Amino acid sequence: MLGPRIHHNGNPWYMPASSVITALTEVLESRRGADPDSSYVASLYAAGINRILEKVGEEATETLIAAKDVTTQGGQEDLIKETADLWFHSMVMLVHLDIRPEAVLDELERRFGLSGIAEKAARGSDGS
């Protein structure tokens, strides 16, 4: 199930962000038992957490480079694409660890309306 469809700017595949997260989570979960030769995500799951973490780190680095390029060269397309790659691989990591990505949305919602300084202080002196 891919959630509700809303036409947005002529895009018949548009879904609200939370629906995209839910739909992608379902796809990622369905890849757990898939043949690694038939699915990129299944191949990451088969390779294990270290390979998944390598991909998250790689995508994080590429996102940072793309952000720096926006400040020096303009153009946001590469940053948007690299951020999508980072979010995707972060979701793969979460699902692999049996954490639904919606839990991250729940945490963001919990923090909404809190002072960032107060929220960080409530986490303790190490800021974690």
Protein backbone atom coordinates (compact mmCIF):
# COMPACT_ATOMS: atom_id res chain seq x y z
CA MET A 1 0.00 0.00 0.00
CA LEU A 2 1.49 3.32 -1.06
CA GLY A 3 -0.78 5.69 0.84
CA PRO A 4 -2.93 8.53 -0.41
CA ARG A 5 -2.13 10.19 -3.71
CA ILE A 6 -2.56 13.90 -4.18
CA HIS A 7 -1.89 15.69 -7.45
CA HIS A 8 0.64 18.39 -6.65
CA ASN A 9 2.12 20.67 -9.30
CA GLY A 10 1.01 18.17 -11.93
CA ASN A 11 2.76 15.23 -10.25
CA PRO A 12 0.32 12.30 -9.93
CA TRP A 13 2.79 10.45 -7.65
CA TYR A 14 2.94 13.20 -5.03
CA MET A 15 2.36 12.06 -1.43
CA PRO A 16 2.66 14.05 1.79
CA ALA A 17 6.09 13.56 3.38
CA SER A 18 4.84 11.27 6.14
CA SER A 19 3.13 9.06 3.54
CA VAL A 20 6.37 8.85 1.56
CA ILE A 21 8.22 7.76 4.71
CA THR A 22 5.57 5.14 5.49
CA ALA A 23 5.46 3.80 1.92
CA LEU A 24 9.25 3.64 1.66
CA THR A 25 9.46 1.92 5.05
CA GLU A 26 7.07 -0.77 3.80
CA VAL A 27 9.24 -1.30 0.73
CA LEU A 28 12.42 -1.46 2.83
CA GLU A 29 10.83 -3.98 5.19
CA SER A 30 9.68 -6.11 2.25
CA ARG A 31 13.29 -6.33 1.02
CA ARG A 32 14.47 -8.11 4.18
CA GLY A 33 13.87 -11.54 2.72
CA ALA A 34 14.57 -10.63 -0.89
CA ASP A 35 17.35 -12.14 -2.97
CA PRO A 36 20.44 -9.88 -2.65
CA ASP A 37 21.04 -10.32 -6.38
CA SER A 38 17.62 -8.88 -7.20
CA SER A 39 17.49 -5.88 -4.83
CA TYR A 40 19.98 -3.19 -3.89
CA VAL A 41 18.45 -2.89 -0.41
CA ALA A 42 18.48 -6.67 0.07
CA SER A 43 22.17 -6.65 -0.89
CA LEU A 44 22.85 -4.04 1.80
CA TYR A 45 20.93 -6.07 4.38
CA ALA A 46 22.89 -9.19 3.40
CA ALA A 47 26.19 -7.33 3.68
CA GLY A 48 25.33 -6.32 7.24
CA ILE A 49 25.37 -3.28 9.45
CA ASN A 50 28.97 -2.27 8.73
CA ARG A 51 28.28 -1.94 5.00
CA ILE A 52 25.07 -0.02 5.68
CA LEU A 53 26.94 2.35 8.01
CA GLU A 54 29.63 2.84 5.36
CA LYS A 55 26.90 3.89 2.92
CA VAL A 56 25.36 6.30 5.44
CA GLY A 57 28.79 7.85 6.07
CA GLU A 58 29.54 8.06 2.36
CA GLU A 59 26.21 9.76 1.67
CA ALA A 60 26.71 12.15 4.62
CA THR A 61 30.07 13.21 3.20
CA GLU A 62 28.59 13.69 -0.27
CA THR A 63 25.77 15.77 1.24
CA LEU A 64 28.27 18.03 3.03
CA ILE A 65 30.28 18.52 -0.17
CA ALA A 66 27.12 19.34 -2.12
CA ALA A 67 26.08 21.86 0.55
CA LYS A 68 29.47 23.54 0.34
CA ASP A 69 29.12 23.63 -3.45
CA VAL A 70 25.80 25.47 -3.10
CA THR A 71 27.54 28.20 -1.12
CA THR A 72 30.36 28.56 -3.65
CA GLN A 73 28.77 27.62 -6.99
CA GLY A 74 25.03 28.02 -6.50
CA GLY A 75 22.47 25.48 -7.65
CA GLN A 76 20.66 23.24 -5.22
CA GLU A 77 19.89 20.16 -7.33
CA ASP A 78 22.93 18.14 -6.24
CA LEU A 79 22.33 18.96 -2.57
CA ILE A 80 18.71 17.85 -2.82
CA LYS A 81 19.71 14.57 -4.51
CA GLU A 82 22.51 13.86 -2.04
CA THR A 83 20.24 14.62 0.91
CA ALA A 84 17.67 12.19 -0.52
CA ASP A 85 20.44 9.55 -0.74
CA LEU A 86 21.43 10.24 2.88
CA TRP A 87 17.84 10.01 4.13
CA PHE A 88 17.27 6.83 2.11
CA HIS A 89 20.35 5.08 3.48
CA SER A 90 19.52 6.29 7.01
CA MET A 91 16.11 4.67 6.60
CA VAL A 92 17.78 1.44 5.42
CA MET A 93 19.91 1.55 8.59
CA LEU A 94 16.90 2.13 10.84
CA VAL A 95 14.84 -0.67 9.28
CA HIS A 96 17.83 -3.02 9.45
CA LEU A 97 18.00 -2.26 13.19
CA ASP A 98 14.23 -2.86 13.61
CA ILE A 99 13.50 0.83 14.16
CA ARG A 100 10.64 2.28 12.17
CA PRO A 101 11.66 5.59 10.59
CA GLU A 102 8.40 7.07 11.87
CA ALA A 103 10.01 6.92 15.32
CA VAL A 104 12.37 9.68 14.16
CA LEU A 105 9.37 11.74 13.04
CA ASP A 106 7.81 11.15 16.45
CA GLU A 107 10.97 12.43 18.12
CA LEU A 108 11.02 15.52 15.90
CA GLU A 109 7.37 16.11 16.72
CA ARG A 110 8.16 15.78 20.44
CA ARG A 111 10.84 18.44 20.09
CA PHE A 112 8.66 20.78 18.07
CA GLY A 113 7.93 23.95 19.98
CA LEU A 114 10.78 23.38 22.44
CA SER A 115 13.65 25.79 22.65
CA GLY A 116 16.64 24.14 21.03
CA ILE A 117 18.84 25.32 23.86
CA ALA A 118 16.46 23.98 26.51
CA GLU A 119 16.02 20.67 24.65
CA LYS A 120 19.78 20.18 24.36
CA ALA A 121 20.27 21.03 28.06
CA ALA A 122 17.61 18.45 28.99
CA ARG A 123 19.66 15.75 27.21
CA GLY A 124 22.59 16.24 29.58
CA SER A 125 25.98 17.85 29.64
CA ASP A 126 27.40 15.80 26.77
CA GLY A 127 24.67 17.03 24.37
CA SER A 128 23.81 13.53 23.16
